[in-house]
Amino acid sequence: MADLVEKAWQRYLIALHKHPLRTKAATSGLLAGCSDLAAQKLSGAKKLQLRRSLLISVVVEQLTFGPWNNFLFMLYMGLVIEGRPCHLAKNKLKTDYLLVQLNAWRVWPLVSVINYRYMPLHLRVLFNNLAAVCWRTFVILQSTRAIKQAA
């Protein structure tokens, strides 16, 4: 098993060297989907929504960042996934957004310092994407807990 992991890692590094943009984009998309699948599983979903996981996560990951990323992601969760009417989704943003953003400001500066100070240049996107998996899982679980408490 260790040999298989080592070979896969070496292939990843070779692909990263030969085709950095394509490799980083594929890695980002795959990890974005993994975070949503992990959150679905951890929140007790009976059936995983694979199509939603990959498409929405990749779009949000690639087109937004920082506070906008959190804002848009929370709005999507409220309106589409949770099926809230617009006014309820807006109320949820008002009550939860600040907490999520404050937590983001606690997490992401540390991730950035570690990334820029200690990570080799060719592994920075991978490290950042792994941190994003954890972050998205946290945000989805926060939303899911709020739904369960309301029920």
Protein backbone atom coordinates (compact mmCIF):
# COMPACT_ATOMS: atom_id res chain seq x y z
CA MET A 1 0.00 0.00 0.00
CA ALA A 2 2.83 2.38 0.87
CA ASP A 3 4.41 1.74 -2.55
CA LEU A 4 1.13 2.57 -4.26
CA VAL A 5 0.82 5.84 -2.33
CA GLU A 6 4.45 6.72 -3.08
CA LYS A 7 3.98 6.02 -6.81
CA ALA A 8 0.79 8.10 -6.88
CA TRP A 9 2.56 10.95 -5.09
CA GLN A 10 5.48 10.83 -7.55
CA ARG A 11 3.06 10.89 -10.50
CA TYR A 12 1.27 13.86 -8.95
CA LEU A 13 4.57 15.76 -8.57
CA ILE A 14 5.53 14.97 -12.17
CA ALA A 15 2.13 16.16 -13.43
CA LEU A 16 2.46 19.25 -11.25
CA HIS A 17 5.85 20.01 -12.80
CA LYS A 18 4.83 19.30 -16.42
CA HIS A 19 1.31 20.79 -16.34
CA PRO A 20 1.04 23.00 -13.24
CA LEU A 21 -2.17 24.86 -14.12
CA ARG A 22 -4.09 21.78 -15.29
CA THR A 23 -2.91 19.73 -12.30
CA LYS A 24 -3.77 22.45 -9.78
CA ALA A 25 -7.20 23.00 -11.33
CA ALA A 26 -7.97 19.27 -11.27
CA THR A 27 -6.73 18.98 -7.69
CA SER A 28 -8.81 21.96 -6.63
CA GLY A 29 -11.96 20.58 -8.22
CA LEU A 30 -11.47 17.12 -6.76
CA LEU A 31 -10.83 18.42 -3.25
CA ALA A 32 -13.73 20.86 -3.45
CA GLY A 33 -16.03 17.97 -4.24
CA CYS A 34 -14.51 15.87 -1.45
CA SER A 35 -15.28 18.53 1.16
CA ASP A 36 -18.96 18.60 0.22
CA LEU A 37 -19.18 14.80 0.17
CA ALA A 38 -17.51 14.63 3.60
CA ALA A 39 -19.93 17.18 5.01
CA GLN A 40 -22.91 15.32 3.52
CA LYS A 41 -21.73 12.07 5.08
CA LEU A 42 -20.91 13.64 8.46
CA SER A 43 -24.31 15.33 8.59
CA GLY A 44 -26.05 11.97 8.16
CA ALA A 45 -27.17 12.16 4.52
CA LYS A 46 -28.65 8.85 3.38
CA LYS A 47 -27.85 9.45 -0.30
CA LEU A 48 -24.84 11.49 -1.45
CA GLN A 49 -25.48 14.15 -4.09
CA LEU A 50 -22.37 13.68 -6.25
CA ARG A 51 -23.34 16.04 -9.08
CA ARG A 52 -24.07 18.91 -6.69
CA SER A 53 -20.84 18.29 -4.82
CA LEU A 54 -18.52 18.63 -7.77
CA LEU A 55 -20.24 21.32 -9.79
CA ILE A 56 -21.20 23.77 -7.06
CA SER A 57 -18.00 23.34 -5.08
CA VAL A 58 -15.80 23.93 -8.11
CA VAL A 59 -17.73 27.05 -9.18
CA VAL A 60 -17.67 28.55 -5.69
CA GLU A 61 -14.01 27.63 -5.19
CA GLN A 62 -12.83 29.08 -8.49
CA LEU A 63 -14.89 32.27 -8.76
CA THR A 64 -14.89 33.65 -5.23
CA PHE A 65 -12.67 33.90 -2.18
CA GLY A 66 -12.51 35.30 1.36
CA PRO A 67 -15.65 37.03 2.62
CA TRP A 68 -17.37 36.76 -0.76
CA ASN A 69 -16.74 33.03 -0.79
CA ASN A 70 -18.36 32.61 2.60
CA PHE A 71 -21.25 34.95 1.75
CA LEU A 72 -22.11 33.23 -1.51
CA PHE A 73 -21.68 29.74 -0.12
CA MET A 74 -23.98 30.45 2.84
CA LEU A 75 -26.57 32.02 0.54
CA TYR A 76 -26.49 28.93 -1.73
CA MET A 77 -26.86 26.59 1.23
CA GLY A 78 -29.87 28.53 2.51
CA LEU A 79 -31.74 28.94 -0.76
CA VAL A 80 -30.92 25.79 -2.73
CA ILE A 81 -29.80 23.05 -0.37
CA GLU A 82 -32.00 23.97 2.59
CA GLY A 83 -34.79 25.29 0.35
CA ARG A 84 -35.37 28.41 2.43
CA PRO A 85 -37.39 31.30 1.01
CA CYS A 86 -35.31 34.36 0.19
CA HIS A 87 -36.24 36.29 3.33
CA LEU A 88 -35.31 33.35 5.60
CA ALA A 89 -32.00 32.83 3.80
CA LYS A 90 -31.30 36.53 4.29
CA ASN A 91 -32.12 36.24 8.01
CA LYS A 92 -29.79 33.24 8.29
CA LEU A 93 -27.01 35.25 6.67
CA LYS A 94 -27.62 38.06 9.15
CA THR A 95 -27.37 35.71 12.13
CA ASP A 96 -24.61 33.33 10.99
CA TYR A 97 -22.38 35.17 8.53
CA LEU A 98 -20.42 37.16 11.10
CA LEU A 99 -19.60 34.03 13.11
CA VAL A 100 -18.47 32.17 10.00
CA GLN A 101 -16.39 35.11 8.78
CA LEU A 102 -14.78 35.64 12.20
CA ASN A 103 -13.83 31.96 12.24
CA ALA A 104 -12.45 32.35 8.72
CA TRP A 105 -10.27 35.22 9.91
CA ARG A 106 -9.01 32.95 12.69
CA VAL A 107 -8.19 30.10 10.33
CA TRP A 108 -7.09 31.55 6.98
CA PRO A 109 -4.33 33.91 8.15
CA LEU A 110 -2.64 30.95 9.88
CA VAL A 111 -3.10 28.80 6.77
CA SER A 112 -1.57 31.59 4.67
CA VAL A 113 1.43 32.05 6.98
CA ILE A 114 2.16 28.33 6.96
CA ASN A 115 1.61 28.17 3.21
CA TYR A 116 3.85 31.09 2.27
CA ARG A 117 6.51 30.56 4.90
CA TYR A 118 6.97 26.79 5.01
CA MET A 119 5.43 25.18 1.93
CA PRO A 120 7.53 24.66 -1.19
CA LEU A 121 6.18 26.72 -4.07
CA HIS A 122 4.96 23.73 -6.07
CA LEU A 123 2.89 22.39 -3.12
CA ARG A 124 1.19 25.63 -2.05
CA VAL A 125 -2.01 25.13 -4.02
CA LEU A 126 -2.34 21.56 -2.74
CA PHE A 127 -1.87 22.70 0.86
CA ASN A 128 -4.37 25.51 0.45
CA ASN A 129 -6.90 23.15 -1.14
CA LEU A 130 -6.56 20.68 1.74
CA ALA A 131 -7.25 23.52 4.17
CA ALA A 132 -10.28 24.47 2.05
CA VAL A 133 -11.65 20.92 2.40
CA CYS A 134 -11.65 21.36 6.17
CA TRP A 135 -13.11 24.86 5.94
CA ARG A 136 -15.98 23.94 3.61
CA THR A 137 -16.81 20.93 5.76
CA PHE A 138 -17.02 23.24 8.79
CA VAL A 139 -19.31 25.72 7.01
CA ILE A 140 -21.64 22.98 5.73
CA LEU A 141 -21.81 21.36 9.16
CA GLN A 142 -22.63 24.74 10.75
CA SER A 143 -25.54 25.09 8.36
CA THR A 144 -26.73 21.54 8.93
CA ARG A 145 -26.66 21.92 12.72
CA ALA A 146 -28.81 25.04 12.45
CA ILE A 147 -31.40 23.10 10.43
CA LYS A 148 -31.49 20.24 12.96
CA GLN A 149 -31.86 22.68 15.87
CA ALA A 150 -34.74 24.44 14.13
CA ALA A 151 -36.53 21.11 13.62
